[in-house]
Protein backbone atom coordinates (compact mmCIF):
# COMPACT_ATOMS: atom_id res chain seq x y z
CA MET A 1 248.70 116.02 173.91
CA THR A 2 249.31 115.80 170.41
CA LYS A 3 247.28 118.82 169.60
CA ASP A 4 248.71 120.90 172.31
CA LEU A 5 252.27 119.86 170.83
CA LYS A 6 251.34 120.97 167.27
CA ALA A 7 250.38 124.40 168.72
CA ARG A 8 253.38 124.66 170.91
CA LEU A 9 256.07 123.23 168.82
CA SER A 10 257.74 124.29 165.65
CA LYS A 11 256.99 122.15 162.58
CA LEU A 12 260.75 120.98 162.85
CA GLN A 13 260.52 120.28 166.38
CA TYR A 14 256.99 118.38 166.02
CA GLU A 15 258.60 116.53 162.84
CA VAL A 16 261.61 115.17 164.93
CA THR A 17 259.89 114.46 168.30
CA GLN A 18 256.85 112.73 167.09
CA ASN A 19 257.73 111.31 163.62
CA ALA A 20 261.42 110.44 164.51
CA GLY A 21 262.63 113.09 161.90
CA THR A 22 266.05 114.58 162.11
CA GLU A 23 267.38 118.05 161.36
CA ARG A 24 270.21 118.74 158.84
CA PRO A 25 273.61 118.39 160.36
CA PHE A 26 275.44 121.68 161.64
CA THR A 27 272.25 123.64 161.88
CA GLY A 28 270.77 122.87 165.12
CA LYS A 29 270.80 125.94 167.59
CA PHE A 30 272.71 123.54 170.57
CA TYR A 31 275.21 122.25 168.12
CA ARG A 32 277.99 124.59 169.26
CA GLU A 33 276.05 125.49 172.78
CA ASP A 34 278.97 125.74 175.60
CA ARG A 35 277.09 127.74 178.41
CA GLU A 36 276.50 125.81 181.78
CA GLY A 37 272.95 124.64 182.24
CA ASP A 38 270.75 121.55 181.43
CA TYR A 39 269.48 120.18 178.43
CA ARG A 40 265.71 118.94 178.51
CA CYS A 41 263.12 117.31 176.57
CA ILE A 42 261.19 120.24 174.45
CA CYS A 43 258.19 118.36 174.75
CA CYS A 44 257.80 117.54 178.65
CA ASP A 45 261.01 119.62 180.03
CA HIS A 46 262.27 116.17 181.51
CA ILE A 47 266.03 116.40 182.16
CA LEU A 48 267.93 114.50 179.50
CA PHE A 49 271.61 115.90 180.05
CA ASP A 50 273.69 118.62 181.52
CA HIS A 51 276.58 120.82 180.23
CA THR A 52 279.26 118.58 181.51
CA MET A 53 278.30 115.48 179.52
CA LYS A 54 278.36 117.40 176.31
CA TYR A 55 281.30 117.32 173.92
CA ASP A 56 282.13 118.32 170.12
CA SER A 57 282.10 114.98 168.39
CA GLY A 58 282.32 116.80 164.93
CA CYS A 59 279.11 114.65 163.86
CA GLY A 60 276.97 118.10 163.06
CA TRP A 61 274.43 117.30 166.24
CA PRO A 62 274.63 118.00 169.94
CA ALA A 63 276.77 115.03 171.41
CA PHE A 64 276.78 113.81 174.86
CA TYR A 65 278.88 111.07 176.41
CA THR A 66 276.39 109.95 178.99
CA GLU A 67 272.79 110.84 180.15
CA HIS A 68 271.58 112.51 183.22
CA PRO A 69 271.00 110.11 186.20
CA LYS A 70 267.36 111.01 186.43
CA ALA A 71 266.81 110.94 182.45
CA GLY A 72 265.94 107.21 182.10
CA ILE A 73 266.40 107.75 178.35
CA ASN A 74 264.78 104.69 176.18
CA LYS A 75 266.76 102.86 173.83
CA ILE A 76 265.13 101.13 170.68
CA ARG A 77 266.63 98.99 168.00
CA ASP A 78 266.08 101.10 164.71
CA THR A 79 266.41 99.27 161.34
CA SER A 80 265.14 102.16 159.34
CA HIS A 81 267.18 103.64 156.35
CA GLY A 82 268.81 100.24 155.65
CA MET A 83 271.05 100.15 158.71
CA VAL A 84 270.92 98.99 162.36
CA ARG A 85 271.13 101.83 165.03
CA THR A 86 269.83 102.51 168.44
CA GLU A 87 267.15 105.11 168.66
CA VAL A 88 266.89 107.10 171.82
CA ARG A 89 263.37 108.45 173.33
CA CYS A 90 262.60 110.72 176.41
CA GLY A 91 262.03 108.55 179.28
CA GLN A 92 259.01 110.48 180.39
CA CYS A 93 257.03 111.26 177.25
CA ASP A 94 258.61 109.02 174.68
CA ALA A 95 259.66 111.88 172.20
CA HIS A 96 262.17 110.96 169.56
CA LEU A 97 265.72 112.61 170.49
CA GLY A 98 268.20 110.99 167.99
CA HIS A 99 270.35 107.98 168.29
CA VAL A 100 273.24 106.30 170.46
CA PHE A 101 276.48 105.06 169.14
CA ASN A 102 279.45 103.32 170.32
CA ASP A 103 282.11 105.92 168.94
CA GLY A 104 282.04 108.36 171.88
CA PRO A 105 285.45 109.29 173.76
CA ARG A 106 287.03 106.30 175.21
CA ASP A 107 288.26 108.30 178.16
CA LYS A 108 284.79 108.81 179.34
CA SER A 109 282.02 106.15 178.36
CA GLY A 110 282.93 105.18 174.77
CA ILE A 111 279.43 106.32 173.70
CA ARG A 112 277.94 109.08 171.71
CA TYR A 113 274.30 110.42 172.32
CA CYS A 114 273.69 112.04 168.96
CA ILE A 115 270.73 114.37 169.64
CA ASN A 116 268.56 116.73 167.61
CA SER A 117 268.65 120.37 168.88
CA ALA A 118 265.15 120.30 167.77
CA SER A 119 264.37 117.87 170.54
CA LEU A 120 265.87 119.82 173.11
CA SER A 121 265.30 122.95 175.31
CA PHE A 122 268.08 124.61 177.24
CA ARG A 123 268.09 125.95 180.88
CA GLY A 124 271.36 127.86 181.46
CA GLU A 125 272.52 128.23 184.97
CA MET A 126 270.99 131.36 187.03
CA GLY A 127 273.78 133.85 188.16
């Protein structure tokens, strides 16, 4: 599968999903996306979020206050970079997506999934 992913993904997509990299803030193609549709794993097309879960957190990456009921996102303690965070990975293929924090909208879940655009594909609603 690694060979297939290297051929199919951009260098940034591969670095983010397979090596737990990150894209620069405010540069991802889905940061300002506001169309209706689903956000899926770029590696395996597994559903992760939908447009109703997305909000503008101002963090520089796409932010969601909850995951899709079918996502099954894995949460892993991450102590890299001299801090303690919670990494999130695709529930189907284990691709790195980003991190989750407890500073999301209080009127929703209080959670902020901070997700790299490079780990996502977008499937817009069809007319």
